[in-house]
């Protein structure tokens, strides 16, 4: 069964700030892995419980499960991703 992948509007800005090769690699991995198995990422704990992350090189994709698939909330470099989550990027 193929699950749907939806993107928060701010994710377009996240992708625009990346090099094209990195953006393509991230989108390819999302399409390949999350469409097949939305639970393939790691569950976050603590104040971010209910969210999941997917590693793509030095980048992290933060998403949440929906009834039909996933909603991608944030794509950012690993050193910045949790700081951006705390600022309310999700």
Protein backbone atom coordinates (compact mmCIF):
# COMPACT_ATOMS: atom_id res chain seq x y z
CA UNK A 1 0.00 0.00 0.00
CA UNK A 2 1.34 3.44 -0.91
CA UNK A 3 0.89 6.13 1.71
CA UNK A 4 0.52 9.82 0.89
CA UNK A 5 3.17 12.38 1.70
CA UNK A 6 2.03 15.93 2.37
CA UNK A 7 4.28 18.91 3.01
CA UNK A 8 3.80 21.91 5.25
CA UNK A 9 4.15 25.14 3.21
CA UNK A 10 7.34 26.11 5.03
CA UNK A 11 9.06 22.94 3.73
CA UNK A 12 9.30 24.54 0.27
CA UNK A 13 11.43 27.29 1.84
CA UNK A 14 13.52 24.67 3.66
CA UNK A 15 14.23 22.90 0.36
CA UNK A 16 14.96 26.15 -1.47
CA UNK A 17 17.74 26.91 1.04
CA UNK A 18 19.51 23.63 0.22
CA UNK A 19 21.76 22.77 -2.70
CA UNK A 20 19.73 21.19 -5.49
CA UNK A 21 21.53 17.86 -5.20
CA UNK A 22 20.76 17.62 -1.46
CA UNK A 23 17.13 18.62 -1.97
CA UNK A 24 16.70 15.98 -4.67
CA UNK A 25 18.35 13.31 -2.51
CA UNK A 26 16.06 14.15 0.41
CA UNK A 27 12.90 14.12 -1.72
CA UNK A 28 13.92 10.84 -3.36
CA UNK A 29 14.43 9.19 0.02
CA UNK A 30 11.09 10.52 1.28
CA UNK A 31 9.28 9.15 -1.75
CA UNK A 32 11.10 5.83 -1.57
CA UNK A 33 10.88 5.13 2.17
CA UNK A 34 7.92 6.98 3.67
CA UNK A 35 5.49 6.06 0.91
CA UNK A 36 6.15 2.39 1.64
CA UNK A 37 6.44 2.57 5.42
CA UNK A 38 5.57 5.78 7.30
CA UNK A 39 6.96 4.23 10.48
CA UNK A 40 10.46 3.80 9.03
CA UNK A 41 11.77 6.90 10.83
CA UNK A 42 12.74 7.14 14.48
CA UNK A 43 10.20 8.33 17.04
CA UNK A 44 11.24 11.47 18.92
CA UNK A 45 10.96 11.61 22.71
CA UNK A 46 10.33 14.22 25.36
CA UNK A 47 8.72 17.45 24.29
CA UNK A 48 8.83 16.32 20.65
CA UNK A 49 7.01 13.04 21.24
CA UNK A 50 4.49 12.31 18.54
CA UNK A 51 6.96 13.40 15.86
CA UNK A 52 9.39 11.26 13.91
CA UNK A 53 12.66 11.92 12.13
CA UNK A 54 14.28 10.49 9.06
CA UNK A 55 18.04 10.81 8.53
CA UNK A 56 19.24 11.80 5.06
CA UNK A 57 22.97 12.42 5.28
CA UNK A 58 23.53 15.50 7.43
CA UNK A 59 19.87 16.51 7.16
CA UNK A 60 16.86 15.58 9.24
CA UNK A 61 13.29 15.37 8.05
CA UNK A 62 10.79 15.90 10.86
CA UNK A 63 7.32 14.53 10.22
CA UNK A 64 4.18 13.30 11.88
CA UNK A 65 1.86 10.45 10.99
CA UNK A 66 -1.55 11.23 9.56
CA UNK A 67 -4.49 8.97 8.87
CA UNK A 68 -3.41 8.41 5.25
CA UNK A 69 0.36 8.80 5.49
CA UNK A 70 2.70 11.53 6.73
CA UNK A 71 2.93 15.30 7.00
CA UNK A 72 6.48 16.63 6.60
CA UNK A 73 6.94 19.56 8.98
CA UNK A 74 10.59 20.54 8.70
CA UNK A 75 13.75 19.74 6.77
CA UNK A 76 16.96 21.12 8.21
CA UNK A 77 20.63 20.43 8.87
CA UNK A 78 21.20 18.17 11.86
CA UNK A 79 22.90 20.94 13.86
CA UNK A 80 19.91 23.28 13.55
CA UNK A 81 16.83 21.06 13.36
CA UNK A 82 15.94 20.82 17.06
CA UNK A 83 16.57 24.52 17.67
CA UNK A 84 14.16 25.27 14.81
CA UNK A 85 11.59 22.88 16.27
CA UNK A 86 11.83 24.68 19.60
CA UNK A 87 11.26 28.04 17.90
CA UNK A 88 7.97 26.68 16.66
CA UNK A 89 8.79 25.78 13.08
CA UNK A 90 6.29 22.90 13.31
